[in-house]
Protein backbone atom coordinates (compact mmCIF):
# COMPACT_ATOMS: atom_id res chain seq x y z
CA MET A 1 38.15 14.98 -38.34
CA LYS A 2 39.89 14.64 -34.94
CA GLN A 3 36.68 15.15 -33.18
CA LEU A 4 35.05 12.23 -35.11
CA LEU A 5 37.91 9.94 -34.63
CA LEU A 6 37.91 10.79 -30.77
CA PHE A 7 34.19 9.92 -30.74
CA LEU A 8 34.63 6.50 -32.44
CA LEU A 9 37.41 5.62 -30.00
CA LEU A 10 35.40 6.49 -26.80
CA PRO A 11 33.84 3.03 -26.47
CA THR A 12 37.29 1.32 -26.72
CA PHE A 13 38.86 3.55 -24.15
CA ALA A 14 35.85 2.82 -21.81
CA PHE A 15 35.83 -0.96 -22.42
CA SER A 16 39.72 -1.05 -21.64
CA SER A 17 39.01 0.84 -18.30
CA VAL A 18 36.44 -1.62 -17.22
CA LYS A 19 38.63 -4.51 -18.17
CA LYS A 20 41.28 -2.82 -15.95
CA PHE A 21 39.00 -2.48 -13.04
CA VAL A 22 37.90 -6.19 -13.21
CA ALA A 23 41.48 -7.51 -13.42
CA THR A 24 42.72 -5.31 -10.53
CA TYR A 25 39.95 -6.11 -8.06
CA GLN A 26 40.19 -9.80 -9.06
CA GLN A 27 43.82 -9.97 -7.99
CA SER A 28 43.11 -7.62 -4.80
CA GLY A 29 40.14 -9.57 -3.55
CA GLU A 30 37.97 -6.61 -3.44
CA LEU A 31 35.41 -8.19 -5.80
CA GLN A 32 35.03 -11.29 -3.53
CA GLU A 33 31.45 -11.76 -4.68
CA ALA A 34 32.30 -12.01 -8.36
CA SER A 35 32.57 -15.54 -9.89
CA PRO A 36 36.09 -16.19 -10.97
CA PRO A 37 37.71 -16.60 -13.43
CA LEU A 38 35.94 -13.67 -15.36
CA PRO A 39 35.85 -13.76 -19.07
CA GLN A 40 38.26 -11.11 -20.54
CA ASN A 41 35.33 -9.27 -22.10
CA THR A 42 33.20 -9.04 -19.08
CA ILE A 43 32.03 -5.50 -18.60
CA THR A 44 29.69 -6.01 -15.64
CA PRO A 45 31.03 -8.77 -13.32
CA ALA A 46 28.49 -10.82 -11.62
CA ALA A 47 28.06 -10.65 -7.91
CA GLY A 48 27.51 -14.29 -7.48
CA PRO A 49 27.70 -17.32 -7.15
CA LEU A 50 30.23 -17.25 -4.22
CA ILE A 51 34.00 -17.61 -4.94
CA GLY A 52 35.03 -21.28 -4.91
CA GLN A 53 31.66 -22.48 -6.09
CA ASP A 54 30.89 -23.54 -9.73
CA SER A 55 27.21 -24.54 -9.11
CA PHE A 56 24.17 -22.97 -7.48
CA ASP A 57 23.98 -20.70 -4.52
CA PHE A 58 20.74 -20.91 -2.60
CA ILE A 59 19.01 -17.87 -0.77
CA ILE A 60 16.81 -18.01 2.37
CA ASP A 61 15.19 -14.78 3.56
CA ALA A 62 13.08 -13.92 6.46
CA GLU A 63 11.61 -10.31 7.08
CA LEU A 64 9.62 -8.67 9.55
CA LEU A 65 7.22 -6.00 8.68
CA VAL A 66 5.80 -3.28 10.78
CA TRP A 67 3.43 -1.58 8.51
CA TYR A 68 0.31 0.60 8.46
CA SER A 69 -2.32 0.82 5.72
CA ALA A 70 -4.01 3.93 4.56
CA ILE A 71 -6.90 4.28 2.03
CA THR A 72 -7.66 7.76 0.58
CA ASP A 73 -11.17 8.94 0.27
CA LEU A 74 -12.35 6.78 3.07
CA SER A 75 -13.68 9.35 5.62
CA TYR A 76 -16.62 7.61 7.45
CA ALA A 77 -18.69 10.52 8.61
CA THR A 78 -19.06 14.36 8.25
CA ARG A 79 -19.24 16.69 11.22
CA GLY A 80 -21.32 19.84 10.89
CA GLN A 81 -23.60 22.12 12.52
CA SER A 82 -26.89 24.13 11.84
CA ALA A 83 -26.22 27.96 10.40
CA SER A 84 -28.57 30.64 9.61
CA SER A 85 -29.71 31.00 6.05
CA GLY A 86 -32.72 33.05 6.55
CA SER A 87 -33.84 36.41 5.17
CA ASP A 88 -36.37 39.07 6.19
CA ILE A 89 -39.15 36.84 4.62
CA SER A 90 -37.90 33.65 6.46
CA PRO A 91 -35.73 34.57 9.40
CA THR A 92 -35.93 31.21 10.98
CA GLN A 93 -34.60 29.26 8.05
CA THR A 94 -31.29 27.41 8.58
CA THR A 95 -29.15 24.93 6.79
CA PHE A 96 -26.66 22.21 7.80
CA VAL A 97 -23.08 23.23 7.07
CA SER A 98 -20.31 20.61 6.93
CA THR A 99 -17.23 21.63 9.20
CA LYS A 100 -15.01 18.40 9.15
CA LYS A 101 -14.62 15.01 7.71
CA GLU A 102 -13.91 12.24 10.19
CA ALA A 103 -11.32 9.59 8.91
CA LEU A 104 -10.08 6.53 10.37
CA ASP A 105 -7.14 6.43 12.72
CA ARG A 106 -3.92 4.83 11.48
CA ASP A 107 -2.83 1.61 13.22
CA TRP A 108 0.45 -0.26 12.85
CA SER A 109 0.60 -3.90 12.58
CA PRO A 110 3.17 -6.70 12.07
CA GLY A 111 3.57 -8.59 8.89
CA LEU A 112 5.85 -11.38 7.35
CA ARG A 113 7.96 -11.74 4.23
CA LEU A 114 9.73 -15.17 3.19
CA GLY A 115 12.05 -15.37 0.24
CA PHE A 116 13.72 -18.35 -1.49
CA GLY A 117 16.06 -18.21 -4.49
CA ALA A 118 19.00 -19.34 -6.31
CA VAL A 119 22.00 -17.86 -8.09
CA THR A 120 23.11 -19.84 -11.07
CA PRO A 121 26.48 -20.18 -12.70
CA HIS A 122 25.08 -18.90 -15.93
CA ASP A 123 26.51 -15.39 -15.85
CA GLY A 124 25.32 -14.81 -12.34
CA TRP A 125 21.46 -14.88 -13.26
CA ASP A 126 19.20 -15.58 -10.22
CA VAL A 127 15.75 -16.73 -9.69
CA TYR A 128 13.87 -15.50 -6.74
CA GLY A 129 10.41 -15.67 -5.04
CA THR A 130 8.75 -14.00 -2.28
CA TRP A 131 5.55 -14.24 -0.13
CA THR A 132 4.20 -11.28 1.65
CA TYR A 133 1.56 -11.40 4.32
CA PHE A 134 0.05 -8.41 6.12
CA TYR A 135 -3.18 -7.90 8.09
CA ASN A 136 -4.26 -4.53 9.48
CA SER A 137 -7.42 -3.43 11.33
CA TYR A 138 -8.49 0.01 12.42
CA SER A 139 -11.67 1.50 14.10
CA ASN A 140 -12.97 5.15 15.22
CA THR A 141 -15.93 6.63 16.80
CA SER A 142 -17.25 10.20 16.68
CA SER A 143 -19.93 11.72 18.67
CA VAL A 144 -21.85 15.14 19.40
CA SER A 145 -23.92 16.47 22.08
CA PRO A 146 -27.60 15.16 22.13
CA PHE A 147 -29.99 17.28 19.81
CA ASN A 148 -33.85 17.56 20.16
CA SER A 149 -34.86 17.54 16.44
CA SER A 150 -34.05 15.78 13.17
CA ASP A 151 -35.12 18.97 11.32
CA PHE A 152 -31.99 21.33 10.38
CA SER A 153 -33.83 23.47 8.11
CA GLN A 154 -35.43 26.13 10.40
CA THR A 155 -35.33 27.06 14.09
CA LEU A 156 -39.00 26.95 15.06
CA THR A 157 -39.48 23.11 15.54
CA GLY A 158 -35.97 22.37 14.51
CA ASN A 159 -32.71 22.90 16.32
CA PRO A 160 -31.17 26.17 17.30
CA ILE A 161 -28.20 27.79 15.29
CA GLY A 162 -24.97 26.05 16.07
CA THR A 163 -26.45 22.57 17.00
CA LYS A 164 -23.87 19.70 15.88
CA ALA A 165 -24.61 16.63 14.21
CA LEU A 166 -23.15 13.90 12.13
CA THR A 167 -24.00 12.59 8.51
CA SER A 168 -22.40 9.82 6.54
CA PRO A 169 -22.14 8.97 2.76
CA TRP A 170 -22.08 5.17 3.41
CA PHE A 171 -25.75 4.60 4.52
CA LEU A 172 -28.80 3.63 2.55
CA ASN A 173 -29.83 7.39 2.71
CA PRO A 174 -26.44 8.87 2.17
CA ASN A 175 -25.63 12.38 3.87
CA GLN A 176 -29.44 12.92 4.66
CA ASP A 177 -30.01 11.61 8.06
CA PHE A 178 -28.39 13.24 11.15
CA PHE A 179 -26.75 11.06 13.95
CA GLN A 180 -25.42 11.59 17.24
CA ALA A 181 -22.70 9.02 17.15
CA VAL A 182 -20.98 7.16 13.98
CA ARG A 183 -18.63 4.20 14.44
CA ALA A 184 -16.49 2.72 11.78
CA ASN A 185 -14.44 -0.43 11.68
CA GLY A 186 -12.11 -1.55 8.95
CA ALA A 187 -9.77 -4.61 8.09
CA LEU A 188 -7.36 -5.27 5.17
CA LEU A 189 -5.88 -8.83 4.62
CA PHE A 190 -3.21 -8.83 2.00
CA ASN A 191 -0.98 -11.51 0.28
CA GLN A 192 1.60 -11.18 -2.37
CA ILE A 193 3.84 -13.47 -4.33
CA ASP A 194 6.62 -12.25 -6.52
CA LEU A 195 8.65 -14.41 -8.91
CA GLU A 196 11.73 -12.82 -10.32
CA LEU A 197 14.53 -13.28 -12.69
CA GLY A 198 17.36 -10.91 -12.22
CA ARG A 199 21.21 -10.47 -12.16
CA LYS A 200 23.15 -8.61 -9.58
CA PHE A 201 26.57 -7.14 -11.05
CA TRP A 202 29.07 -4.37 -10.21
CA ILE A 203 29.37 -1.37 -12.18
CA SER A 204 32.13 0.04 -10.06
CA CYS A 205 34.10 -0.78 -7.09
CA HIS A 206 31.42 0.04 -4.58
CA LEU A 207 28.24 0.18 -6.68
CA SER A 208 26.14 -2.78 -7.47
CA LEU A 209 22.82 -3.12 -9.57
CA ARG A 210 20.33 -5.87 -10.01
CA PRO A 211 17.72 -5.34 -12.66
CA PHE A 212 14.86 -7.89 -12.42
CA ALA A 213 11.74 -8.78 -14.28
CA GLY A 214 8.88 -11.39 -13.48
CA VAL A 215 5.32 -11.99 -12.34
CA ARG A 216 3.30 -10.54 -9.44
CA ILE A 217 0.36 -12.31 -7.86
CA TYR A 218 -1.90 -10.71 -5.19
CA TRP A 219 -5.01 -11.37 -3.71
CA SER A 220 -6.71 -9.29 -0.93
CA ARG A 221 -9.84 -8.70 1.31
CA MET A 222 -10.91 -5.46 2.72
CA HIS A 223 -13.86 -5.11 5.27
CA PHE A 224 -15.37 -1.79 6.06
CA SER A 225 -18.56 -1.31 8.41
CA VAL A 226 -20.24 2.07 9.49
CA ASN A 227 -22.96 2.24 12.00
CA GLY A 228 -24.79 5.45 13.09
CA SER A 229 -27.18 6.02 16.04
CA ARG A 230 -29.43 8.61 17.30
CA PRO A 231 -31.52 8.29 20.28
CA SER A 232 -35.36 9.24 20.19
CA ALA A 233 -35.92 13.03 21.47
CA ALA A 234 -38.83 15.49 21.42
CA ASN A 235 -38.91 15.96 17.66
CA ALA A 236 -36.52 13.08 16.46
CA ASP A 237 -37.21 9.43 15.98
CA LEU A 238 -34.86 6.82 17.33
CA LEU A 239 -32.58 5.87 14.20
CA ARG A 240 -30.14 3.19 13.64
CA SER A 241 -28.38 2.96 10.35
CA GLY A 242 -25.56 0.55 9.34
CA SER A 243 -23.67 -0.64 6.31
CA VAL A 244 -21.18 -3.39 5.83
CA TYR A 245 -19.04 -3.33 2.78
CA GLN A 246 -16.75 -6.08 1.45
CA GLN A 247 -14.21 -6.16 -1.33
CA LYS A 248 -12.24 -9.11 -2.54
CA SER A 249 -9.43 -8.86 -5.29
CA TRP A 250 -7.09 -10.91 -7.07
CA ALA A 251 -4.76 -10.17 -10.03
CA VAL A 252 -1.69 -11.53 -12.05
CA GLY A 253 0.82 -9.58 -14.09
CA ILE A 254 4.05 -8.49 -15.14
CA LEU A 255 6.65 -6.99 -12.52
CA THR A 256 9.96 -5.25 -13.40
CA GLY A 257 12.29 -3.16 -11.11
CA LEU A 258 15.87 -2.42 -10.07
CA ASP A 259 17.70 -3.02 -6.92
CA THR A 260 20.90 -1.11 -5.99
CA ALA A 261 23.55 -0.89 -3.19
CA TRP A 262 26.40 1.61 -2.44
CA GLU A 263 29.04 0.26 -0.20
CA PHE A 264 30.26 3.35 1.77
CA VAL A 265 32.56 1.40 4.03
CA ARG A 266 33.49 -2.18 3.90
CA ASN A 267 30.44 -4.53 4.36
CA TRP A 268 28.05 -1.50 5.00
CA ASN A 269 25.81 -0.39 2.32
CA ILE A 270 23.10 1.96 1.52
CA TYR A 271 20.39 0.00 -0.42
CA ALA A 272 17.50 1.27 -2.52
CA LYS A 273 14.80 -0.47 -4.69
CA GLY A 274 12.24 0.62 -7.11
CA ALA A 275 9.62 -1.47 -8.95
CA ILE A 276 6.35 -1.37 -10.88
CA ALA A 277 3.76 -4.01 -11.60
CA LEU A 278 0.55 -4.05 -13.54
CA PRO A 279 -1.41 -7.26 -12.69
CA TYR A 280 -4.94 -7.82 -14.06
CA GLY A 281 -7.57 -9.57 -12.34
CA LYS A 282 -11.07 -9.37 -10.69
CA THR A 283 -12.74 -7.50 -7.79
CA TRP A 284 -15.88 -8.26 -6.09
CA ILE A 285 -17.78 -5.65 -3.99
CA ARG A 286 -20.70 -6.24 -1.84
CA ARG A 287 -22.80 -4.03 0.62
CA ASN A 288 -25.39 -4.97 3.21
CA GLY A 289 -27.28 -1.87 4.27
CA SER A 290 -29.95 -1.47 7.06
CA GLU A 291 -32.06 1.46 8.39
CA LEU A 292 -34.37 1.12 11.52
CA SER A 293 -36.52 4.19 12.75
CA ILE A 294 -38.87 4.17 15.78
CA ASP A 295 -40.92 7.05 17.03
CA GLY A 296 -41.35 8.27 20.51
CA THR A 297 -44.53 6.26 21.03
CA GLY A 298 -42.70 2.83 20.02
CA THR A 299 -44.12 2.76 16.61
CA LEU A 300 -42.07 1.31 13.91
CA ASN A 301 -41.73 3.70 11.09
CA GLN A 302 -39.18 2.05 8.94
CA ASN A 303 -37.26 -1.20 8.88
CA LEU A 304 -35.18 -1.37 5.58
CA ARG A 305 -32.66 -3.75 4.41
CA ALA A 306 -30.88 -3.99 1.08
CA THR A 307 -27.82 -5.80 -0.37
CA THR A 308 -26.01 -4.46 -3.58
CA HIS A 309 -22.93 -6.26 -5.28
CA ASP A 310 -20.71 -5.77 -8.15
CA ALA A 311 -17.77 -7.41 -9.93
CA ILE A 312 -15.36 -5.86 -12.30
CA TYR A 313 -12.14 -6.71 -14.12
CA LYS A 314 -9.31 -4.22 -14.04
CA THR A 315 -5.55 -3.68 -13.90
CA GLN A 316 -4.18 -2.73 -10.50
CA PRO A 317 -0.99 -0.69 -10.91
CA PHE A 318 1.69 -1.10 -8.13
CA ILE A 319 4.48 1.33 -7.36
CA ASP A 320 7.16 0.02 -5.01
CA LEU A 321 9.89 2.09 -3.30
CA ALA A 322 12.47 1.11 -0.48
CA LEU A 323 15.52 2.67 1.15
CA GLY A 324 17.62 1.47 3.84
CA LEU A 325 20.88 0.40 5.64
CA ARG A 326 22.52 -2.97 5.00
CA TRP A 327 25.39 -5.04 6.48
CA ASP A 328 26.65 -8.12 4.58
CA ARG A 329 29.68 -10.11 4.51
CA ALA A 330 30.77 -12.92 2.12
CA PHE A 331 32.85 -15.88 3.38
CA ASP A 332 34.33 -18.69 1.46
CA THR A 333 31.04 -20.72 1.04
CA PHE A 334 28.36 -18.41 2.19
CA ARG A 335 27.13 -14.91 2.83
CA ILE A 336 25.33 -13.37 5.64
CA LEU A 337 23.05 -10.10 5.13
CA VAL A 338 21.07 -7.98 7.64
CA ASP A 339 19.34 -4.81 6.67
CA ALA A 340 16.69 -2.55 7.95
CA GLY A 341 14.81 0.31 6.04
CA TRP A 342 11.51 1.77 5.02
CA GLU A 343 9.17 0.54 2.26
CA SER A 344 6.24 2.31 0.58
CA HIS A 345 3.67 0.44 -1.76
CA LEU A 346 1.09 2.42 -3.62
CA LEU A 347 -1.77 0.55 -5.06
CA ILE A 348 -3.53 3.20 -7.38
CA ASN A 349 -7.40 3.25 -7.45
CA TYR A 350 -7.38 0.05 -5.22
CA ASN A 351 -10.71 0.91 -3.32
CA LYS A 352 -13.76 0.33 -5.38
CA LEU A 353 -16.37 0.17 -2.42
CA PHE A 354 -18.34 2.81 -4.28
CA GLY A 355 -17.54 1.39 -7.80
CA GLY A 356 -20.21 2.20 -10.33
CA THR A 357 -21.54 5.22 -8.54
CA ASP A 358 -20.58 9.03 -8.56
CA LEU A 359 -20.29 8.92 -4.58
CA PRO A 360 -17.03 9.64 -2.75
CA SER A 361 -14.40 6.79 -2.49
CA THR A 362 -14.92 5.69 -5.90
CA ASN A 363 -11.15 5.40 -6.69
CA GLY A 364 -9.19 5.59 -3.37
CA ASP A 365 -5.54 4.54 -3.33
CA LEU A 366 -4.04 1.97 -1.10
CA THR A 367 -0.74 2.67 0.79
CA LEU A 368 1.07 0.16 2.43
CA ALA A 369 4.21 1.41 4.24
CA GLY A 370 6.57 0.97 7.36
CA VAL A 371 9.80 -0.63 8.56
CA VAL A 372 11.19 -3.76 7.25
CA ILE A 373 13.98 -5.75 9.04
CA ARG A 374 15.54 -8.68 6.98
CA GLY A 375 18.02 -11.38 7.56
CA ARG A 376 19.46 -13.57 4.67
CA ILE A 377 21.79 -16.44 4.47
CA GLU A 378 23.04 -17.44 0.93
CA PHE A 379 25.15 -20.65 0.58
């Protein structure tokens, strides 16, 4: 019976403790960011509007992004060499063995994020919107020593064992032609708008939370091109192959997450953020491919061009994480905030360049990550 009575009284004790915390820090001024006077039954005191204001606070943010973009399963070429596969019956038989996949180098680029919002006197609720812009380009080239034959199946008229060459899955004849050099170029243009409704409040003397929900809108373009070349040789035609891929996407959907800040000394905080979004929209994919082959006498053997395209509707899942260091100070009528940290954004199954096929890179993930430096004024 005593245990049951104690269990029933626990919420009362907890509520009394929180009320004591609120009253104590209102008097001492520790909770300068809470809106006075607080109702007697306030459990989670709001962190705004600012003291002395009974109307709206306005927020202006400017952020510098230094990010990179990375897409999984986007290797542009395969490096390999001829190896013996013969027997006593066919001792000259060889095969092409893959030894390494060539991937694009990671490049860093600047970006921009702007934020505007307002903190309302209605229990400290806030409305907040951001626009994020990021553009990143990258390129890489792989090459091997010249070889005399396009035949990697035997050594009589083919290449000796150990001869190196490059292939690529991106051409009209995927992984079947052998090249001396393959070059890849890529670019990503990314825009995102978030519209949030949230509330920042204190759950202890030095720990604040801000749950939020809203809408995410994004649109992006990805360009990816691969070009392979092989000069003419004794038993090899001159070969030029190229493919240009384009992917355009847009989507709109639900966003939700949580911001938090731990004040370890006065005005200095460790902040963290986590969010997920599930926008739904449309993605267009287009490929222009070509292949040119000329023999040693200058005769045109092949001049092929083809265009393929597709359009799909899909949900684009987002996972957002952030961690960093923040300095902020509240004055009578305004607040200044500066922070710096690391952000990671994962777009699951973003890459659809090979959508609708069983080739590699059908469902590659896009990662946007890097340093973020922000300045904010609230007045």
